[in-house]
Protein backbone atom coordinates (compact mmCIF):
# COMPACT_ATOMS: atom_id res chain seq x y z
CA MET A 1 0.16 0.18 0.16
CA GLY A 2 1.63 3.37 -0.77
CA PRO A 3 1.84 6.11 1.43
CA LYS A 4 -1.45 8.15 2.82
CA PRO A 5 -2.33 11.14 1.10
CA ASP A 6 -2.28 14.35 3.02
CA SER A 7 -6.14 15.34 3.78
CA GLU A 8 -7.11 18.76 3.01
CA PRO A 9 -6.73 20.69 6.16
CA ASP A 10 -3.64 18.89 6.09
CA ARG A 11 -2.77 20.51 3.10
CA LYS A 12 -4.04 24.14 3.86
CA ARG A 13 -2.70 23.95 7.15
CA ARG A 14 1.25 22.93 5.84
CA GLY A 15 0.70 25.82 3.03
CA GLY A 16 -0.62 28.34 5.51
CA ARG A 17 2.81 27.81 7.56
CA ALA A 18 5.07 27.99 4.72
CA GLN A 19 3.69 31.26 3.34
CA LYS A 20 3.84 32.89 6.72
CA GLN A 21 7.66 31.45 6.65
CA ALA A 22 8.43 32.31 3.03
CA ASP A 23 7.14 35.87 3.51
CA ALA A 24 8.84 36.25 6.84
CA HIS A 25 12.14 34.92 5.62
CA ARG A 26 12.20 36.44 2.13
CA SER A 27 15.44 37.41 0.94
CA ALA A 28 17.57 37.73 -2.19
CA ARG A 29 20.65 34.98 -2.98
CA ILE A 30 23.72 36.33 -2.34
CA VAL A 31 26.46 35.03 -4.42
CA ASN A 32 30.17 36.14 -4.67
CA TYR A 33 31.67 35.09 -8.39
CA ARG A 34 34.42 37.44 -8.04
CA GLN A 35 37.61 35.84 -6.48
CA LEU A 36 37.45 32.38 -7.64
CA ARG A 37 39.96 29.50 -7.27
CA HIS A 38 40.15 26.22 -8.61
CA PRO A 39 37.89 23.29 -6.59
CA PHE A 40 39.65 20.23 -8.02
CA GLN A 41 43.26 18.92 -8.00
CA PRO A 42 44.70 19.48 -11.41
CA GLN A 43 44.38 16.36 -14.05
CA GLY A 44 46.90 14.76 -17.00
CA ILE A 45 46.51 13.42 -19.42
CA PHE A 46 50.51 12.72 -20.16
CA SER A 47 53.18 10.62 -17.65
CA ASP A 48 55.45 13.12 -15.58
CA ASP A 49 58.22 11.37 -18.29
CA GLN A 50 56.32 11.89 -21.00
CA VAL A 51 55.54 16.10 -20.41
CA MET A 52 59.73 16.01 -19.57
CA ALA A 53 60.75 14.53 -22.90
CA MET A 54 58.07 17.15 -24.56
CA HIS A 55 60.15 19.86 -22.49
CA GLU A 56 63.44 18.46 -23.68
CA ALA A 57 62.14 18.47 -27.33
CA ALA A 58 60.98 21.56 -27.36
CA LEU A 59 64.11 23.31 -25.83
CA THR A 60 65.99 21.20 -28.56
CA MET A 61 63.99 22.80 -31.11
CA LEU A 62 64.93 26.48 -29.75
CA GLU A 63 68.78 25.69 -29.54
CA THR A 64 68.68 23.69 -33.04
CA LEU A 65 66.10 24.83 -34.75
CA GLY A 66 65.62 27.86 -33.79
CA ILE A 67 62.85 30.79 -34.17
CA LYS A 68 62.37 33.36 -36.86
CA ILE A 69 62.26 37.07 -35.24
CA LEU A 70 60.86 39.36 -37.55
CA LEU A 71 61.76 42.56 -34.90
CA PRO A 72 65.21 43.74 -35.25
CA GLU A 73 65.45 45.20 -31.63
CA ALA A 74 64.24 42.02 -30.21
CA ARG A 75 67.00 40.16 -31.97
CA GLN A 76 69.48 42.49 -30.51
CA VAL A 77 68.23 42.31 -26.95
CA LEU A 78 68.37 38.02 -27.76
CA ALA A 79 71.99 38.60 -29.25
CA ALA A 80 73.11 40.77 -26.31
CA ALA A 81 72.26 38.10 -23.76
CA GLY A 82 74.13 35.16 -25.58
CA ALA A 83 71.66 33.99 -28.33
CA ILE A 84 72.68 32.94 -31.63
CA VAL A 85 71.04 35.51 -34.29
CA ASP A 86 71.59 35.07 -38.06
CA GLU A 87 70.14 38.23 -39.34
CA ASP A 88 70.16 37.12 -43.03
CA SER A 89 67.86 34.75 -41.73
CA GLN A 90 66.59 36.15 -38.75
CA MET A 91 66.73 33.25 -36.74
CA VAL A 92 67.64 33.32 -33.18
CA TYR A 93 68.81 30.54 -31.12
CA PHE A 94 68.31 29.96 -27.88
CA GLY A 95 70.40 28.29 -25.53
CA ARG A 96 69.52 26.06 -22.42
CA ASP A 97 70.83 28.21 -20.17
CA ILE A 98 69.30 31.53 -21.21
CA VAL A 99 66.21 29.62 -21.19
CA GLN A 100 66.07 28.38 -17.71
CA ALA A 101 67.57 31.30 -16.33
CA ALA A 102 64.48 33.19 -17.90
CA LEU A 103 62.10 30.56 -16.34
CA LYS A 104 64.05 32.18 -12.65
CA THR A 105 62.97 35.26 -13.03
CA ALA A 106 59.68 35.08 -14.33
CA PRO A 107 57.29 35.43 -11.36
CA ARG A 108 54.99 32.89 -10.11
CA SER A 109 52.56 35.09 -8.88
CA PHE A 110 51.65 38.81 -9.11
CA ARG A 111 48.64 41.20 -8.44
CA LEU A 112 46.06 41.82 -11.14
CA ARG A 113 44.69 45.72 -10.51
CA ALA A 114 41.63 47.07 -11.34
CA ALA A 115 39.79 50.81 -10.83
CA ASN A 116 37.79 48.79 -8.34
CA PRO A 117 40.04 47.24 -5.65
CA ILE A 118 37.35 44.44 -5.31
CA ARG A 119 37.77 43.44 -8.87
CA GLU A 120 41.71 43.11 -7.97
CA ARG A 121 42.87 39.18 -8.18
CA GLN A 122 46.32 37.73 -7.46
CA TYR A 123 47.30 36.01 -10.84
CA GLU A 124 49.05 33.00 -10.13
CA PRO A 125 48.44 28.75 -9.79
CA GLY A 126 45.52 27.73 -8.40
CA ALA A 127 43.23 30.96 -9.33
CA LEU A 128 40.77 30.98 -11.97
CA ILE A 129 39.92 33.88 -13.85
CA PHE A 130 36.99 33.71 -16.87
CA THR A 131 37.35 36.55 -19.78
CA ALA A 132 34.90 37.13 -22.45
CA GLY A 133 35.06 36.09 -26.11
CA SER A 134 37.66 38.51 -28.13
CA GLY A 135 39.05 39.71 -30.61
CA CYS A 136 35.99 39.21 -32.79
CA PRO A 137 35.45 41.22 -36.15
CA ASN A 138 32.08 40.75 -36.07
CA ALA A 139 29.38 41.09 -33.72
CA THR A 140 25.99 39.29 -34.16
CA ASP A 141 22.44 38.63 -31.94
CA MET A 142 18.84 37.85 -33.31
CA GLU A 143 17.65 41.19 -33.49
CA ARG A 144 20.38 43.28 -35.35
CA GLY A 145 21.77 40.03 -37.18
CA ARG A 146 25.34 39.87 -38.56
CA ARG A 147 27.55 42.71 -38.84
CA PRO A 148 31.41 44.24 -38.87
CA GLY A 149 31.98 45.11 -35.17
CA SER A 150 31.30 48.97 -34.45
CA LEU A 151 31.88 50.93 -31.28
CA ARG A 152 28.53 50.73 -30.40
CA ASP A 153 29.31 46.74 -30.42
CA PHE A 154 32.38 46.85 -28.32
CA GLU A 155 30.79 49.30 -25.56
CA GLU A 156 28.34 47.10 -25.07
CA ALA A 157 30.28 44.33 -25.07
CA ILE A 158 32.03 45.94 -22.02
CA ARG A 159 28.79 46.73 -20.29
CA LEU A 160 27.82 43.13 -20.81
CA GLN A 161 30.95 41.94 -19.10
CA GLN A 162 30.32 44.45 -16.49
CA SER A 163 27.47 42.98 -15.27
CA PHE A 164 28.63 39.72 -14.73
CA ASP A 165 30.85 39.14 -11.77
CA VAL A 166 32.05 35.83 -13.27
CA ILE A 167 33.81 38.03 -16.18
CA HIS A 168 36.40 39.17 -14.05
CA LYS A 169 38.33 41.00 -16.80
CA HIS A 170 37.74 42.98 -19.42
CA GLY A 171 38.72 41.77 -23.34
CA PRO A 172 37.88 42.88 -26.90
CA SER A 173 35.01 40.81 -27.52
CA ALA A 174 34.02 43.20 -30.63
CA GLU A 175 36.04 45.04 -32.49
CA PRO A 176 35.42 48.67 -33.05
CA GLN A 177 35.70 48.72 -37.06
CA ASP A 178 34.37 51.92 -37.30
CA VAL A 179 36.95 53.34 -35.36
CA PRO A 180 40.27 54.71 -37.37
CA ILE A 181 42.92 52.02 -36.59
CA GLN A 182 45.07 54.76 -35.85
CA ASN A 183 42.84 56.21 -32.83
CA ARG A 184 41.18 53.11 -31.88
CA HIS A 185 43.18 52.39 -28.89
CA TYR A 186 41.58 55.52 -27.27
CA ALA A 187 38.03 54.56 -27.74
CA MET A 188 39.10 50.86 -26.51
CA ILE A 189 40.89 52.34 -23.45
CA ARG A 190 37.90 55.00 -22.56
CA ALA A 191 35.13 52.31 -22.88
CA GLN A 192 36.84 50.06 -20.55
CA MET A 193 37.67 52.77 -17.74
CA THR A 194 34.15 54.59 -18.13
CA LEU A 195 31.79 51.59 -18.66
CA GLY A 196 33.44 49.22 -16.33
CA ASP A 197 35.90 49.02 -13.58
CA LYS A 198 37.72 45.26 -14.37
CA PRO A 199 41.46 44.68 -14.91
CA MET A 200 42.00 46.08 -18.62
CA PHE A 201 43.64 44.62 -21.87
CA VAL A 202 45.74 46.58 -24.61
CA TYR A 203 46.02 45.92 -27.86
CA ALA A 204 50.14 45.22 -28.67
CA ARG A 205 50.11 47.37 -31.99
CA GLY A 206 53.49 49.25 -31.99
CA ARG A 207 55.20 51.49 -29.04
CA GLY A 208 53.23 54.28 -29.70
CA GLN A 209 49.68 52.65 -28.98
CA ILE A 210 51.25 50.54 -26.04
CA GLU A 211 53.00 54.15 -24.59
CA GLN A 212 49.45 55.93 -25.18
CA SER A 213 47.44 53.38 -24.00
CA LEU A 214 48.99 52.92 -20.73
CA GLU A 215 49.59 56.85 -20.52
CA LEU A 216 45.63 56.75 -20.43
CA ILE A 217 45.31 54.07 -17.84
CA GLN A 218 47.27 56.35 -15.58
CA LEU A 219 46.53 59.74 -16.55
CA GLY A 220 42.03 58.07 -16.19
CA LEU A 221 42.76 56.06 -12.62
CA GLY A 222 44.91 59.11 -11.25
CA LEU A 223 47.81 56.86 -10.62
CA SER A 224 51.02 57.78 -9.51
CA ASP A 225 54.16 56.11 -10.73
CA ASP A 226 54.72 54.13 -7.94
CA VAL A 227 51.44 52.85 -7.44
CA PHE A 228 51.17 52.07 -11.75
CA LYS A 229 54.71 49.50 -11.02
CA ASP A 230 52.86 48.39 -8.33
CA GLY A 231 51.02 45.31 -10.11
CA VAL A 232 49.78 44.74 -13.23
CA TRP A 233 46.84 47.53 -15.04
CA ALA A 234 46.85 46.37 -18.62
CA THR A 235 47.62 42.65 -19.96
CA THR A 236 48.30 42.05 -23.67
CA VAL A 237 48.11 38.71 -25.42
CA ILE A 238 51.23 37.38 -27.46
CA ASN A 239 50.18 35.28 -30.43
CA THR A 240 53.30 33.58 -32.33
CA ASN A 241 52.95 32.69 -36.01
CA SER A 242 53.43 29.26 -35.99
CA PRO A 243 55.29 27.42 -36.39
CA ARG A 244 58.47 29.16 -34.94
CA GLN A 245 57.74 33.13 -36.19
CA ILE A 246 57.13 36.13 -33.86
CA ASP A 247 56.13 39.43 -35.75
CA LYS A 248 57.19 42.51 -35.21
CA PRO A 249 54.09 43.73 -33.62
CA MET A 250 54.21 40.98 -31.06
CA ALA A 251 57.97 41.63 -30.38
CA GLN A 252 57.80 45.04 -29.26
CA GLY A 253 55.06 44.02 -27.35
CA ILE A 254 56.54 41.38 -25.33
CA ILE A 255 59.71 44.02 -25.21
CA ASP A 256 57.55 47.24 -24.25
CA PHE A 257 55.36 45.15 -21.94
CA ALA A 258 58.20 43.83 -19.97
CA ARG A 259 59.88 47.04 -19.22
CA ALA A 260 56.62 49.21 -18.12
CA GLY A 261 56.01 46.13 -15.78
CA GLN A 262 52.68 44.88 -17.25
CA MET A 263 51.47 41.65 -18.28
CA SER A 264 52.02 39.49 -21.71
CA ILE A 265 49.96 36.55 -22.06
CA ILE A 266 51.85 34.62 -23.89
CA THR A 267 49.53 32.38 -26.45
CA PRO A 268 51.04 30.31 -29.36
CA PHE A 269 48.15 29.24 -31.38
CA CYS A 270 48.88 26.26 -32.76
CA LEU A 271 46.77 24.04 -34.73
CA ALA A 272 47.57 20.48 -35.05
CA GLY A 273 47.57 19.61 -38.93
CA ALA A 274 48.00 23.15 -39.85
CA MET A 275 50.28 25.30 -37.82
CA ALA A 276 51.58 22.41 -36.10
CA PRO A 277 52.40 18.72 -35.69
CA VAL A 278 49.14 16.62 -36.44
CA THR A 279 49.78 15.00 -33.11
CA VAL A 280 48.46 16.29 -29.76
CA ALA A 281 52.06 15.86 -28.16
CA GLY A 282 53.72 17.53 -31.30
CA ALA A 283 51.45 20.16 -31.08
CA LEU A 284 51.95 21.02 -27.50
CA THR A 285 55.74 20.90 -27.97
CA LEU A 286 55.64 23.44 -30.77
CA GLN A 287 53.37 25.17 -28.46
CA HIS A 288 55.84 25.00 -25.63
CA GLY A 289 59.33 26.23 -27.32
CA GLU A 290 57.09 29.37 -28.83
CA ALA A 291 56.26 30.34 -25.21
CA LEU A 292 59.59 29.81 -23.81
CA ALA A 293 60.65 31.74 -26.93
CA CYS A 294 59.00 34.48 -25.81
CA ILE A 295 58.89 34.41 -21.61
CA THR A 296 62.72 34.32 -22.41
CA LEU A 297 62.54 37.68 -24.25
CA ALA A 298 60.03 39.32 -21.71
CA GLN A 299 62.60 38.03 -18.92
CA ILE A 300 65.98 39.54 -20.55
CA ALA A 301 64.30 42.75 -21.60
CA ASN A 302 63.26 43.26 -18.18
CA PRO A 303 63.91 40.25 -15.50
CA GLY A 304 61.20 39.42 -13.14
CA ALA A 305 58.65 40.88 -15.67
CA PRO A 306 54.76 39.13 -15.58
CA VAL A 307 54.33 36.87 -18.24
CA SER A 308 51.60 34.49 -18.08
CA TYR A 309 52.64 30.81 -19.86
CA GLY A 310 49.47 30.23 -22.34
CA GLY A 311 48.43 28.31 -25.06
CA PHE A 312 45.67 27.61 -27.42
CA SER A 313 45.72 25.00 -29.26
CA SER A 314 43.76 22.64 -31.04
CA ASN A 315 42.84 20.79 -34.18
CA VAL A 316 41.39 21.70 -37.50
CA ASP A 317 38.66 19.93 -39.32
CA MET A 318 41.07 17.90 -41.93
CA LYS A 319 38.23 18.30 -44.67
CA SER A 320 37.71 22.15 -45.04
CA GLY A 321 41.00 23.38 -43.07
CA ALA A 322 38.75 24.99 -40.58
CA PRO A 323 39.83 25.31 -36.88
CA ALA A 324 37.72 23.06 -34.48
CA PHE A 325 37.35 23.88 -30.64
CA GLY A 326 35.76 21.88 -27.82
CA THR A 327 37.08 18.78 -29.34
CA PRO A 328 38.74 15.78 -27.80
CA GLU A 329 42.20 16.95 -29.11
CA HIS A 330 41.42 20.64 -27.48
CA VAL A 331 40.79 18.78 -24.23
CA LYS A 332 43.99 16.69 -24.61
CA MET A 333 45.91 19.78 -25.40
CA GLN A 334 44.71 21.81 -22.50
CA LEU A 335 45.58 18.92 -20.02
CA GLY A 336 48.67 18.59 -21.40
CA SER A 337 49.45 22.24 -21.31
CA GLY A 338 48.46 22.23 -17.70
CA GLN A 339 50.86 19.99 -17.23
CA LEU A 340 54.02 21.53 -18.96
CA ALA A 341 52.96 25.01 -17.16
CA ARG A 342 53.42 22.98 -13.93
CA LEU A 343 56.45 21.75 -14.72
CA ILE A 344 57.56 25.54 -15.11
CA ASP A 345 55.87 26.30 -12.61
CA LEU A 346 54.18 29.53 -13.81
CA PRO A 347 50.77 30.43 -14.06
CA TRP A 348 48.85 29.82 -17.31
CA ARG A 349 46.12 30.64 -19.79
CA SER A 350 43.88 28.36 -21.60
CA ALA A 351 40.70 29.06 -23.45
CA ALA A 352 36.74 27.68 -24.22
CA GLY A 353 35.59 28.93 -27.61
CA SER A 354 33.45 27.95 -30.19
CA ALA A 355 33.36 26.88 -34.01
CA SER A 356 29.49 26.81 -34.10
CA ASN A 357 27.73 29.80 -36.18
CA MET A 358 25.26 30.13 -34.01
CA ALA A 359 23.92 29.79 -30.24
CA ASP A 360 23.13 26.36 -30.48
CA ALA A 361 23.51 23.09 -29.10
CA GLN A 362 27.00 22.77 -30.94
CA GLY A 363 28.64 26.02 -29.75
CA ALA A 364 27.34 25.12 -26.10
CA THR A 365 28.92 21.65 -26.23
CA GLU A 366 32.21 23.18 -27.25
CA ASN A 367 32.27 26.02 -25.11
CA VAL A 368 31.40 24.06 -22.29
CA MET A 369 33.97 21.26 -22.84
CA GLY A 370 36.70 24.04 -23.77
CA VAL A 371 35.45 25.53 -20.29
CA TRP A 372 35.69 21.63 -18.68
CA GLY A 373 39.15 21.18 -19.98
CA ALA A 374 40.26 24.26 -18.59
CA LEU A 375 39.09 23.57 -15.03
CA GLN A 376 40.29 20.05 -15.24
CA SER A 377 43.96 21.09 -16.28
CA ASN A 378 43.83 24.47 -13.95
CA ALA A 379 44.22 27.28 -16.15
CA THR A 380 44.75 30.81 -14.22
CA MET A 381 42.83 32.33 -17.05
CA VAL A 382 40.37 30.42 -19.79
CA VAL A 383 40.01 33.09 -22.56
CA HIS A 384 36.92 33.04 -24.76
CA SER A 385 34.57 31.88 -21.79
CA ALA A 386 31.69 33.44 -23.20
CA GLY A 387 30.27 34.71 -26.50
CA TRP A 388 33.08 33.82 -28.93
CA LEU A 389 31.30 32.06 -32.21
CA GLU A 390 32.92 31.06 -35.34
CA GLY A 391 36.07 30.00 -34.20
CA GLY A 392 36.66 33.76 -33.26
CA LEU A 393 35.24 35.72 -36.43
CA SER A 394 31.77 36.61 -34.12
CA PHE A 395 30.74 38.04 -31.18
CA GLY A 396 27.31 36.51 -30.24
CA TYR A 397 25.19 38.32 -27.40
CA GLU A 398 22.98 35.53 -26.57
CA LYS A 399 25.67 33.31 -26.79
CA PHE A 400 27.41 35.14 -24.33
CA ILE A 401 24.42 34.91 -21.94
CA THR A 402 24.13 31.02 -22.55
CA ASP A 403 27.67 31.18 -21.65
CA ILE A 404 27.48 32.90 -18.53
CA GLU A 405 24.65 30.40 -17.21
CA ALA A 406 27.42 27.38 -17.81
CA LEU A 407 30.06 29.86 -16.15
CA GLN A 408 28.32 30.67 -13.04
CA THR A 409 27.12 27.02 -12.73
CA VAL A 410 31.21 26.33 -12.50
CA ALA A 411 31.43 29.33 -10.07
CA GLU A 412 28.77 27.41 -7.97
CA LEU A 413 31.38 24.58 -7.77
CA CYS A 414 33.96 26.95 -6.27
CA SER A 415 32.22 27.53 -3.45
CA PRO A 416 32.37 25.37 -0.48
CA THR A 417 29.50 22.74 0.12
CA PRO A 418 28.78 22.32 3.91
CA ALA A 419 28.19 19.34 5.12
CA ASP A 420 28.08 20.13 8.76
CA ALA A 421 25.28 19.15 11.59
CA ALA A 422 22.53 21.26 10.33
CA ALA A 423 23.45 20.93 6.61
CA ILE A 424 23.41 16.94 7.11
CA GLY A 425 19.46 17.75 8.45
CA LEU A 426 19.04 14.80 10.22
CA ASP A 427 16.24 16.49 12.10
CA ALA A 428 14.25 17.54 8.56
CA LEU A 429 14.65 13.28 8.97
CA ALA A 430 12.84 13.14 12.10
CA GLU A 431 10.30 15.93 10.88
CA VAL A 432 9.20 14.31 7.68
CA GLU A 433 7.13 10.77 8.06
CA PRO A 434 8.30 7.61 5.57
CA GLY A 435 6.82 8.27 1.91
CA GLY A 436 6.50 12.20 2.73
CA HIS A 437 8.29 15.13 1.65
CA PHE A 438 10.37 18.26 2.74
CA PHE A 439 8.85 21.12 1.03
CA ALA A 440 6.88 22.41 4.21
CA ALA A 441 9.94 20.84 6.81
CA GLN A 442 11.66 23.13 8.80
CA HIS A 443 14.68 22.68 7.74
CA THR A 444 13.90 23.49 4.15
CA MET A 445 11.67 26.84 4.88
CA ASP A 446 15.15 28.09 6.44
CA ARG A 447 17.01 27.78 3.14
CA TYR A 448 14.56 27.17 0.41
CA ASP A 449 15.53 30.79 -0.61
CA THR A 450 19.30 30.44 -0.79
CA ALA A 451 19.76 26.71 -1.11
CA PHE A 452 20.08 26.23 -5.09
CA TYR A 453 21.48 28.20 -7.78
CA GLU A 454 18.91 30.21 -9.75
CA PRO A 455 19.09 29.97 -13.17
CA ILE A 456 19.17 33.03 -15.73
CA VAL A 457 18.45 31.25 -18.90
CA ALA A 458 17.24 27.97 -18.07
CA ASP A 459 13.77 27.37 -18.02
CA LEU A 460 12.82 24.54 -14.98
CA SER A 461 8.94 24.89 -15.99
CA ASN A 462 7.06 22.37 -17.13
CA PHE A 463 5.76 21.64 -20.56
CA GLY A 464 2.59 23.02 -20.25
CA LEU A 465 4.05 26.59 -18.44
CA TRP A 466 6.49 27.03 -20.70
CA SER A 467 4.18 26.78 -23.60
CA GLU A 468 2.29 29.69 -22.12
CA SER A 469 4.78 31.32 -21.49
CA GLY A 470 5.61 31.58 -25.52
CA GLY A 471 7.69 28.49 -26.24
CA LYS A 472 11.06 30.07 -25.92
CA SER A 473 14.20 28.66 -26.63
CA ALA A 474 17.16 29.05 -24.77
CA ALA A 475 18.60 31.49 -27.32
CA GLU A 476 15.04 33.77 -27.99
CA ARG A 477 15.31 33.75 -23.77
CA ALA A 478 19.27 34.80 -23.40
CA LEU A 479 17.97 38.06 -26.47
CA ASP A 480 15.69 39.16 -23.46
CA VAL A 481 18.33 38.31 -21.03
CA TRP A 482 20.72 40.69 -22.56
CA LYS A 483 18.56 43.20 -24.08
CA ASN A 484 17.41 43.91 -20.05
CA THR A 485 21.03 43.60 -18.96
CA LEU A 486 22.04 46.84 -20.91
CA ARG A 487 18.59 48.37 -20.43
CA ASP A 488 19.53 48.34 -16.68
CA TYR A 489 22.96 48.69 -16.38
CA ARG A 490 24.56 51.37 -14.54
CA PRO A 491 28.29 52.80 -15.15
CA PRO A 492 30.61 52.43 -12.12
CA ALA A 493 30.89 54.82 -9.81
CA GLY A 494 33.81 57.76 -11.03
CA SER A 495 33.30 56.78 -14.46
CA GLY A 496 32.31 60.56 -15.19
CA GLU A 497 35.18 61.93 -13.56
CA ILE A 498 37.88 59.61 -15.39
CA ALA A 499 35.88 60.33 -19.20
CA ASP A 500 37.09 64.26 -18.17
CA ARG A 501 40.62 63.37 -17.05
CA ILE A 502 41.25 61.86 -20.50
CA ALA A 503 38.78 64.00 -22.95
CA ARG A 504 41.88 66.49 -23.85
CA TYR A 505 44.86 63.56 -23.96
CA ILE A 506 42.32 61.85 -26.34
CA GLU A 507 41.62 65.20 -28.14
CA ASP A 508 44.93 66.17 -28.49
CA HIS A 509 46.35 62.76 -29.70
CA GLU A 510 43.57 62.20 -32.33
CA ALA A 511 44.41 65.91 -33.74
CA ALA A 512 47.75 64.87 -34.18
CA GLY A 513 46.95 62.02 -35.93
CA GLY A 514 46.91 59.07 -33.21
CA ALA A 515 49.41 56.48 -33.20
CA ALA A 516 50.61 54.37 -36.00
CA VAL A 517 49.98 50.09 -35.98
CA LEU A 518 53.51 48.57 -36.19
CA ASP A 519 53.12 46.40 -39.12
């Protein structure tokens, strides 16, 4: 015989008690996603001997095959430190002693600064930092369609990044192509400082643009020289031209950021089967060698300069040549990258991302697999965590929101899960009879509004209620979320004063022609 159903008076009595306690206990669930650390031990895919073999092969590659470095200044810096340089071929050969010395001076931990102190992070192994999809020449959403990135798109992306604490650092989600390239850095720095208060990025597009961007940050935030030197106020991403080449803007960026005491996020982009060997181990060996070369240049330019080891290796579709993300090979390379980073004892950067052309199941799966690979491998920073579509060709507004849902789920895993006597709830087990329910138990009523994560996109209602509400897909619900987020956005405190401080600087430099991009 099944359990005896509640009588009508029982249901009314329990329902009335539940409503009274609910009204008395009504409070918002408070979360803090700003300071995340990895909740799980790092996983690996290779044995210690295999990791060491890749490291040794990378050192051999640097020593015997070399790296082509197109910037004369970089070759001169390395030659003065003892590297063998062939000026005719622009090849640089790194002795192991030079690389090993560089690894000794590269810091393991440093402070990632922000306009708002609560946004600051310690960049180190064990920290977990998410950034949005970045470097996209286009933007797309369900209402306005796909389009070349504009300043409006860039500013909206910064507003969205600012609105979700699980995004810890600003990134160039949509490139503002309607702003002349020689003036673009002014608009991008201004937007980050007046629309957000998180750690900032600067493109490495030549010495002039780098110097002016750093001057704007110091001026806008009112930083003395000593305060500006106390930690990292700006980061840049350094991509090698795999295989085995560093172009002029990237080499210049490494030198200039190192000398300014700001962080270079070293990121070889090694796609197995295209710019790297077709095997996972081969691609990782190339990635590792290129990263070591860039780290060495930074440390020679300024010993102790903050750098992040990094990798964005995946595979290509061998039918079309298109890059693929969230694949088994992508995750394997993340796991291997984490092992190589731990071998040299440096914080490191990984990435998620998606090759999908829209915010669909493919895009969600690819991004979640990339995030999960970064979580398993204990990446310090996870770039392209939200909004990245078409292998980086588009920033998707709905994709950004659905990805935020996944990131917030991961963030919940980073929070402690109580298992004390109160959480175990023996009193609740005693209160509820066999076959009963816990909806109105005192244990539930004390916790009902704070116990579970509350989705921003997922619809947990049944089919009938979902249909009555319009039967919207996740992407359609995400459309409503980003529109409401932009509608409700408020700029951070002090943004007006920052805008005033930098206005004249930008006006004068634009009138003077801006700053040229280094080819």
